[in-house]
Amino acid sequence: MKIHSFGVSRVNPYNLQANKMNNQKLSHKKAVDKLEISSEAKVMQEGSSIQAERQAKIEQLKRQVENGTYTLDSKATAKGIIDYFKR
């Protein structure tokens, strides 16, 4: 049986496809990403009163721990755990 080389021989078809894809990438203009933030999102980013209250409570707890005056209410902790798992 003889095999004759017809058409494109000894050319890696994957290289041809890769070259086509590279040429397409180069021919297209680079896309410019654009981000727009709504006014509502800007207000949310500025922070809310809840964050300020939370930060104040964290600072208070830090001071109590540093001073050694922080006390843990075990009954309140147990009730919180039970309430969480009852949901």
C-alpha atoms as a PDB file:
ATOM      1  CA  MET A   1       0.000   0.000   0.000  1.00  0.00           C
ATOM      2  CA  LYS A   2       1.401   3.336  -1.026  1.00  0.00           C
ATOM      3  CA  ILE A   3       0.518   6.572   0.680  1.00  0.00           C
ATOM      4  CA  HIS A   4       0.943   9.668  -1.393  1.00  0.00           C
ATOM      5  CA  SER A   5       1.087  13.033   0.229  1.00  0.00           C
ATOM      6  CA  PHE A   6      -1.772  15.079  -1.140  1.00  0.00           C
ATOM      7  CA  GLY A   7      -2.788  18.511   0.044  1.00  0.00           C
ATOM      8  CA  VAL A   8      -1.071  20.141   2.949  1.00  0.00           C
ATOM      9  CA  SER A   9       1.464  17.789   4.379  1.00  0.00           C
ATOM     10  CA  ARG A  10       3.718  17.965   7.345  1.00  0.00           C
ATOM     11  CA  VAL A  11       1.815  20.912   8.772  1.00  0.00           C
ATOM     12  CA  ASN A  12       0.512  20.718  12.281  1.00  0.00           C
ATOM     13  CA  PRO A  13      -3.193  21.651  12.096  1.00  0.00           C
ATOM     14  CA  TYR A  14      -3.092  22.859  15.690  1.00  0.00           C
ATOM     15  CA  ASN A  15      -0.390  25.383  14.850  1.00  0.00           C
ATOM     16  CA  LEU A  16      -2.508  26.663  11.973  1.00  0.00           C
ATOM     17  CA  GLN A  17      -5.480  27.111  14.270  1.00  0.00           C
ATOM     18  CA  ALA A  18      -3.353  28.779  16.942  1.00  0.00           C
ATOM     19  CA  ASN A  19      -1.907  31.174  14.374  1.00  0.00           C
ATOM     20  CA  LYS A  20      -5.405  32.066  13.165  1.00  0.00           C
ATOM     21  CA  MET A  21      -6.524  32.773  16.717  1.00  0.00           C
ATOM     22  CA  ASN A  22      -3.454  34.932  17.401  1.00  0.00           C
ATOM     23  CA  ASN A  23      -4.062  36.905  14.211  1.00  0.00           C
ATOM     24  CA  GLN A  24      -7.684  37.468  15.200  1.00  0.00           C
ATOM     25  CA  LYS A  25      -6.655  38.701  18.634  1.00  0.00           C
ATOM     26  CA  LEU A  26      -4.195  41.136  17.113  1.00  0.00           C
ATOM     27  CA  SER A  27      -6.654  42.414  14.540  1.00  0.00           C
ATOM     28  CA  HIS A  28      -9.345  43.268  17.097  1.00  0.00           C
ATOM     29  CA  LYS A  29      -9.110  46.471  19.036  1.00  0.00           C
ATOM     30  CA  LYS A  30      -8.573  46.011  22.712  1.00  0.00           C
ATOM     31  CA  ALA A  31     -11.801  46.294  24.652  1.00  0.00           C
ATOM     32  CA  VAL A  32     -11.921  48.967  27.297  1.00  0.00           C
ATOM     33  CA  ASP A  33     -13.531  47.927  30.544  1.00  0.00           C
ATOM     34  CA  LYS A  34     -15.823  50.446  32.112  1.00  0.00           C
ATOM     35  CA  LEU A  35     -17.285  50.469  35.599  1.00  0.00           C
ATOM     36  CA  GLU A  36     -20.186  52.624  36.653  1.00  0.00           C
ATOM     37  CA  ILE A  37     -21.301  52.827  40.258  1.00  0.00           C
ATOM     38  CA  SER A  38     -24.829  53.969  40.940  1.00  0.00           C
ATOM     39  CA  SER A  39     -25.574  56.719  43.403  1.00  0.00           C
ATOM     40  CA  GLU A  40     -27.255  54.186  45.709  1.00  0.00           C
ATOM     41  CA  ALA A  41     -24.102  52.073  45.739  1.00  0.00           C
ATOM     42  CA  LYS A  42     -21.993  55.135  46.512  1.00  0.00           C
ATOM     43  CA  VAL A  43     -24.190  55.878  49.515  1.00  0.00           C
ATOM     44  CA  MET A  44     -23.808  52.277  50.660  1.00  0.00           C
ATOM     45  CA  GLN A  45     -20.020  52.482  50.328  1.00  0.00           C
ATOM     46  CA  GLU A  46     -19.817  55.557  52.521  1.00  0.00           C
ATOM     47  CA  GLY A  47     -20.986  53.523  55.490  1.00  0.00           C
ATOM     48  CA  SER A  48     -24.070  53.445  57.551  1.00  0.00           C
ATOM     49  CA  SER A  49     -24.942  54.146  61.165  1.00  0.00           C
ATOM     50  CA  ILE A  50     -24.977  50.405  61.800  1.00  0.00           C
ATOM     51  CA  GLN A  51     -21.282  50.154  60.909  1.00  0.00           C
ATOM     52  CA  ALA A  52     -20.474  53.080  63.190  1.00  0.00           C
ATOM     53  CA  GLU A  53     -22.392  51.477  66.065  1.00  0.00           C
ATOM     54  CA  ARG A  54     -20.707  48.128  65.430  1.00  0.00           C
ATOM     55  CA  GLN A  55     -17.263  49.759  65.394  1.00  0.00           C
ATOM     56  CA  ALA A  56     -18.024  51.584  68.664  1.00  0.00           C
ATOM     57  CA  LYS A  57     -19.080  48.312  70.303  1.00  0.00           C
ATOM     58  CA  ILE A  58     -15.921  46.570  69.075  1.00  0.00           C
ATOM     59  CA  GLU A  59     -13.758  49.340  70.504  1.00  0.00           C
ATOM     60  CA  GLN A  60     -15.591  49.111  73.825  1.00  0.00           C
ATOM     61  CA  LEU A  61     -15.076  45.334  73.954  1.00  0.00           C
ATOM     62  CA  LYS A  62     -11.384  45.736  73.110  1.00  0.00           C
ATOM     63  CA  ARG A  63     -10.936  48.193  75.990  1.00  0.00           C
ATOM     64  CA  GLN A  64     -12.735  45.835  78.382  1.00  0.00           C
ATOM     65  CA  VAL A  65     -10.558  42.888  77.343  1.00  0.00           C
ATOM     66  CA  GLU A  66      -7.370  44.961  77.683  1.00  0.00           C
ATOM     67  CA  ASN A  67      -8.404  46.205  81.139  1.00  0.00           C
ATOM     68  CA  GLY A  68      -9.513  42.752  82.272  1.00  0.00           C
ATOM     69  CA  THR A  69     -13.059  43.939  82.986  1.00  0.00           C
ATOM     70  CA  TYR A  70     -14.761  41.901  80.266  1.00  0.00           C
ATOM     71  CA  THR A  71     -17.222  39.382  81.698  1.00  0.00           C
ATOM     72  CA  LEU A  72     -18.987  36.723  79.735  1.00  0.00           C
ATOM     73  CA  ASP A  73     -22.674  35.978  80.382  1.00  0.00           C
ATOM     74  CA  SER A  74     -22.841  32.219  79.911  1.00  0.00           C
ATOM     75  CA  LYS A  75     -26.661  32.098  80.081  1.00  0.00           C
ATOM     76  CA  ALA A  76     -27.007  34.693  77.303  1.00  0.00           C
ATOM     77  CA  THR A  77     -24.450  32.829  75.190  1.00  0.00           C
ATOM     78  CA  ALA A  78     -26.272  29.498  75.655  1.00  0.00           C
ATOM     79  CA  LYS A  79     -29.620  31.126  74.851  1.00  0.00           C
ATOM     80  CA  GLY A  80     -28.167  32.641  71.676  1.00  0.00           C
ATOM     81  CA  ILE A  81     -26.832  29.247  70.554  1.00  0.00           C
ATOM     82  CA  ILE A  82     -30.165  27.543  71.227  1.00  0.00           C
ATOM     83  CA  ASP A  83     -32.107  30.274  69.423  1.00  0.00           C
ATOM     84  CA  TYR A  84     -29.766  29.990  66.446  1.00  0.00           C
ATOM     85  CA  PHE A  85     -30.297  26.240  66.066  1.00  0.00           C
ATOM     86  CA  LYS A  86     -34.081  26.485  66.586  1.00  0.00           C
ATOM     87  CA  ARG A  87     -34.429  28.523  63.386  1.00  0.00           C
END
